[in-house]
Protein backbone atom coordinates (compact mmCIF):
# COMPACT_ATOMS: atom_id res chain seq x y z
CA UNK A 1 139.91 188.05 87.97
CA UNK A 2 142.08 189.20 90.85
CA UNK A 3 145.38 188.57 92.58
CA UNK A 4 148.26 190.53 94.04
CA UNK A 5 149.85 190.76 90.59
CA UNK A 6 146.68 191.75 88.75
CA UNK A 7 146.58 194.99 86.81
CA UNK A 8 143.84 197.38 87.90
CA UNK A 9 141.44 199.02 85.47
CA UNK A 10 139.62 202.01 86.90
CA UNK A 11 136.50 203.45 85.29
CA UNK A 12 132.88 204.37 85.84
CA UNK A 13 130.47 201.47 86.29
CA UNK A 14 129.39 201.84 82.67
CA UNK A 15 130.52 200.55 79.30
CA UNK A 16 131.80 203.87 77.92
CA UNK A 17 135.48 204.05 77.00
CA UNK A 18 136.35 200.89 78.94
CA UNK A 19 134.42 198.31 76.91
CA UNK A 20 137.16 197.71 74.34
CA UNK A 21 139.78 197.65 77.10
CA UNK A 22 137.86 195.04 79.08
CA UNK A 23 137.45 192.87 75.99
CA UNK A 24 141.16 193.14 75.14
CA UNK A 25 142.15 192.23 78.69
CA UNK A 26 139.90 189.20 78.48
CA UNK A 27 141.10 188.19 75.02
CA UNK A 28 144.77 188.40 76.00
CA UNK A 29 144.20 186.47 79.22
CA UNK A 30 145.53 189.37 81.28
CA UNK A 31 145.05 188.97 85.01
CA UNK A 32 143.10 192.07 86.02
CA UNK A 33 140.66 193.48 88.48
CA UNK A 34 138.36 196.46 88.17
CA UNK A 35 137.77 199.50 90.31
CA UNK A 36 134.38 200.81 89.27
CA UNK A 37 133.17 204.22 90.35
CA UNK A 38 129.48 205.11 90.54
CA UNK A 39 127.94 208.42 89.60
CA UNK A 40 125.03 209.62 91.73
CA UNK A 41 121.55 210.20 90.43
CA UNK A 42 119.77 213.33 89.27
CA UNK A 43 119.85 216.21 89.75
CA UNK A 44 123.39 216.47 91.15
CA UNK A 45 125.00 213.39 89.56
CA UNK A 46 127.48 213.26 92.43
CA UNK A 47 130.93 212.13 91.26
CA UNK A 48 132.62 212.14 94.65
CA UNK A 49 133.50 208.42 94.50
CA UNK A 50 135.98 209.32 91.77
CA UNK A 51 136.79 212.92 92.69
CA UNK A 52 137.77 211.95 96.24
CA UNK A 53 140.63 209.79 94.92
CA UNK A 54 141.33 211.43 91.56
CA UNK A 55 144.51 213.16 92.68
CA UNK A 56 145.67 210.47 95.12
CA UNK A 57 146.64 207.78 92.60
CA UNK A 58 149.85 209.43 91.39
CA UNK A 59 148.57 209.65 87.81
CA UNK A 60 150.36 212.09 85.50
CA UNK A 61 147.05 213.13 83.95
CA UNK A 62 144.33 212.05 86.41
CA UNK A 63 141.35 210.77 84.46
CA UNK A 64 139.15 207.77 83.78
CA UNK A 65 139.84 205.19 82.56
CA UNK A 66 143.20 204.43 84.15
CA UNK A 67 145.32 201.28 84.23
CA UNK A 68 147.67 200.45 87.09
CA UNK A 69 150.22 197.92 85.89
CA UNK A 70 153.03 197.61 88.40
CA UNK A 71 155.04 200.82 88.25
CA UNK A 72 153.20 201.90 85.10
CA UNK A 73 150.20 204.14 85.64
CA UNK A 74 148.42 204.92 82.40
CA UNK A 75 145.51 207.15 81.46
CA UNK A 76 143.83 207.81 78.08
CA UNK A 77 141.81 204.89 76.75
CA UNK A 78 143.76 204.40 73.52
CA UNK A 79 147.09 204.59 75.36
CA UNK A 80 145.84 201.82 77.65
CA UNK A 81 144.75 199.71 74.68
CA UNK A 82 148.10 200.18 72.95
CA UNK A 83 149.99 199.25 76.12
CA UNK A 84 148.11 195.96 76.37
CA UNK A 85 148.28 195.31 72.63
CA UNK A 86 152.06 195.85 72.41
CA UNK A 87 152.61 193.04 74.88
CA UNK A 88 150.74 190.67 72.58
CA UNK A 89 151.90 191.88 69.16
CA UNK A 90 148.49 193.31 68.33
CA UNK A 91 149.50 196.71 66.93
CA UNK A 92 150.19 195.54 63.37
CA UNK A 93 153.27 193.77 62.05
CA UNK A 94 153.89 195.33 58.63
CA UNK A 95 154.09 199.02 57.80
CA UNK A 96 150.79 198.80 55.94
CA UNK A 97 149.10 197.16 58.93
CA UNK A 98 150.48 199.76 61.34
CA UNK A 99 149.24 202.58 59.12
CA UNK A 100 145.77 201.03 58.98
CA UNK A 101 145.82 200.63 62.76
CA UNK A 102 146.74 204.29 63.24
CA UNK A 103 143.99 205.42 60.89
CA UNK A 104 141.31 203.27 62.51
CA UNK A 105 142.32 204.20 66.05
CA UNK A 106 141.63 207.86 65.33
CA UNK A 107 138.70 207.42 62.95
CA UNK A 108 136.82 205.30 65.47
CA UNK A 109 137.31 207.92 68.17
CA UNK A 110 135.95 210.66 65.88
CA UNK A 111 132.96 208.46 65.05
CA UNK A 112 132.36 207.59 68.72
CA UNK A 113 132.37 211.23 69.78
CA UNK A 114 129.59 212.09 67.34
CA UNK A 115 127.25 209.64 69.06
CA UNK A 116 128.44 210.64 72.53
CA UNK A 117 127.67 214.30 71.84
CA UNK A 118 124.03 213.71 70.99
CA UNK A 119 123.55 211.18 73.80
CA UNK A 120 124.54 213.77 76.41
CA UNK A 121 122.86 216.72 74.68
CA UNK A 122 119.59 218.09 76.07
CA UNK A 123 118.41 218.43 72.44
CA UNK A 124 118.95 214.71 71.86
CA UNK A 125 115.62 214.14 70.10
CA UNK A 126 116.17 217.11 67.79
CA UNK A 127 119.70 216.03 66.90
CA UNK A 128 118.93 212.34 66.42
CA UNK A 129 117.38 212.59 62.89
CA UNK A 130 120.43 214.37 61.49
CA UNK A 131 122.73 211.79 63.07
CA UNK A 132 120.72 208.95 61.55
CA UNK A 133 120.74 210.66 58.14
CA UNK A 134 124.54 210.82 58.21
CA UNK A 135 125.08 207.37 59.74
CA UNK A 136 124.96 205.34 56.47
CA UNK A 137 127.71 207.51 54.99
CA UNK A 138 129.99 206.91 57.96
CA UNK A 139 129.30 203.18 57.94
CA UNK A 140 129.98 203.02 54.21
CA UNK A 141 133.47 204.42 54.84
CA UNK A 142 134.17 201.73 57.42
CA UNK A 143 132.77 199.09 55.07
CA UNK A 144 135.00 200.23 52.20
CA UNK A 145 138.04 200.37 54.47
CA UNK A 146 137.44 196.84 55.73
CA UNK A 147 136.79 195.59 52.21
CA UNK A 148 137.43 191.88 51.92
CA UNK A 149 139.78 191.74 54.89
CA UNK A 150 138.82 189.72 57.94
CA UNK A 151 140.01 192.48 60.29
CA UNK A 152 140.50 196.20 59.93
CA UNK A 153 144.31 196.05 59.72
CA UNK A 154 144.23 193.09 57.33
CA UNK A 155 144.13 189.39 58.11
CA UNK A 156 145.52 189.70 61.63
CA UNK A 157 143.47 190.78 64.63
CA UNK A 158 144.68 194.02 66.23
CA UNK A 159 143.47 196.22 69.06
CA UNK A 160 141.55 198.51 66.69
CA UNK A 161 139.14 195.66 65.98
CA UNK A 162 138.07 195.88 69.61
CA UNK A 163 137.45 199.61 69.19
CA UNK A 164 135.60 199.08 65.91
CA UNK A 165 133.41 196.34 67.36
CA UNK A 166 132.45 198.52 70.30
CA UNK A 167 131.45 201.58 68.27
CA UNK A 168 129.62 199.55 65.63
CA UNK A 169 127.75 197.68 68.34
CA UNK A 170 126.69 200.93 69.99
CA UNK A 171 125.36 202.22 66.68
CA UNK A 172 123.63 198.89 66.06
CA UNK A 173 121.86 199.37 69.37
CA UNK A 174 121.03 202.99 68.56
CA UNK A 175 119.62 202.04 65.14
CA UNK A 176 119.11 198.25 64.95
CA UNK A 177 119.03 198.07 61.14
CA UNK A 178 122.01 200.32 60.47
CA UNK A 179 124.33 197.48 59.39
CA UNK A 180 121.85 195.78 57.08
CA UNK A 181 123.33 197.36 53.95
CA UNK A 182 126.89 196.42 54.89
CA UNK A 183 127.29 192.63 54.92
CA UNK A 184 131.04 192.78 55.51
CA UNK A 185 130.50 194.81 58.69
CA UNK A 186 127.85 192.36 59.88
CA UNK A 187 130.24 189.50 59.15
CA UNK A 188 132.98 191.32 61.06
CA UNK A 189 130.69 191.63 64.08
CA UNK A 190 129.83 187.92 64.05
CA UNK A 191 133.48 186.99 63.48
CA UNK A 192 134.56 189.04 66.47
CA UNK A 193 131.85 187.64 68.74
CA UNK A 194 132.82 184.11 67.70
CA UNK A 195 136.37 184.51 69.02
CA UNK A 196 136.59 181.88 71.74
CA UNK A 197 137.65 184.14 74.59
CA UNK A 198 135.28 186.91 73.57
CA UNK A 199 132.36 184.49 73.35
CA UNK A 200 133.22 183.13 76.80
CA UNK A 201 133.49 186.64 78.23
CA UNK A 202 130.12 187.64 76.79
CA UNK A 203 128.54 184.67 78.56
CA UNK A 204 130.25 185.44 81.88
CA UNK A 205 128.95 187.48 84.81
CA UNK A 206 131.79 189.96 84.23
CA UNK A 207 130.25 191.16 80.97
CA UNK A 208 127.59 193.83 80.69
CA UNK A 209 126.12 195.38 77.55
CA UNK A 210 124.42 198.30 79.28
CA UNK A 211 124.63 201.02 80.46
CA UNK A 212 126.72 202.51 77.71
CA UNK A 213 126.65 206.04 79.06
CA UNK A 214 126.46 207.62 82.48
CA UNK A 215 123.28 208.63 84.27
CA UNK A 216 123.06 212.19 82.91
CA UNK A 217 122.94 210.92 79.31
CA UNK A 218 119.62 210.88 77.46
CA UNK A 219 120.31 207.56 75.73
CA UNK A 220 122.01 204.35 76.82
CA UNK A 221 122.05 205.30 80.49
CA UNK A 222 120.09 202.41 81.97
CA UNK A 223 121.52 199.20 83.36
CA UNK A 224 118.52 196.94 82.81
CA UNK A 225 118.44 195.08 79.54
CA UNK A 226 116.19 192.05 79.20
CA UNK A 227 116.60 189.63 76.31
CA UNK A 228 114.12 187.01 75.24
CA UNK A 229 114.82 183.65 76.82
CA UNK A 230 115.45 180.81 74.44
CA UNK A 231 113.16 177.80 74.85
CA UNK A 232 114.82 174.84 76.52
CA UNK A 233 116.59 172.61 74.03
CA UNK A 234 116.96 175.24 71.33
CA UNK A 235 120.24 176.52 69.96
CA UNK A 236 121.08 179.93 71.51
CA UNK A 237 120.99 182.91 69.17
CA UNK A 238 124.54 184.19 68.55
CA UNK A 239 125.29 187.59 70.14
CA UNK A 240 125.69 189.17 66.70
CA UNK A 241 122.02 188.42 66.03
CA UNK A 242 120.84 189.43 69.50
CA UNK A 243 121.95 193.06 69.50
CA UNK A 244 118.87 194.58 67.92
CA UNK A 245 116.40 192.44 69.85
CA UNK A 246 118.20 193.13 73.10
CA UNK A 247 118.14 196.88 72.61
CA UNK A 248 114.50 197.00 71.58
CA UNK A 249 113.60 195.41 74.91
CA UNK A 250 115.74 197.77 76.98
CA UNK A 251 114.03 200.43 79.06
CA UNK A 252 115.91 203.72 79.03
């Protein structure tokens, strides 16, 4: 998507903190274009593509991701999400919904950072068992919070559902069976992927599932991800059922 009036999303050429933003831009039909920066390979992991322009964009707090929307120049991933969501009444309507949105926004970030830390840690393999031991407890909290609601704020889709989907999907790729004990979370994932604009985006050439992390990470840092091809004439497997199979076939 591009035009003179398009907003510009700047980020690394990875999924990272921009995945939920990209999905929200797609869902809201926002006209946008991307500026993707590449990190060099080992051992230096050269970041000059970004560093050369970092302080030339007139950003108050230069960082990635950023969103250029006319005169508005925004950094911080959740601030970007909220800016988009406010324009489409996706921040919660009632006081209860807004409180649930605020809680989820921060809880998801805490949860995300736990996985990020071990993915970029040189002791990744040593830290992984402890993370997996604690994972069911974290997922149980999300399951209880969602309860019988369709979405995490209640019965209306909000921007935190995009955050929740992203972090749950990453964990589902990290441990393919992690959601098996939480049917409401699995249903949430399928419900989200069935949203018309999300489903269309996931089938487009703009969408990519990998890499999640940048090249210096020890997990989720590869672009290649090969899924099994469906025989001609068969019904395609929904994305919510492909996640585990896709990840198991990834080389990283």
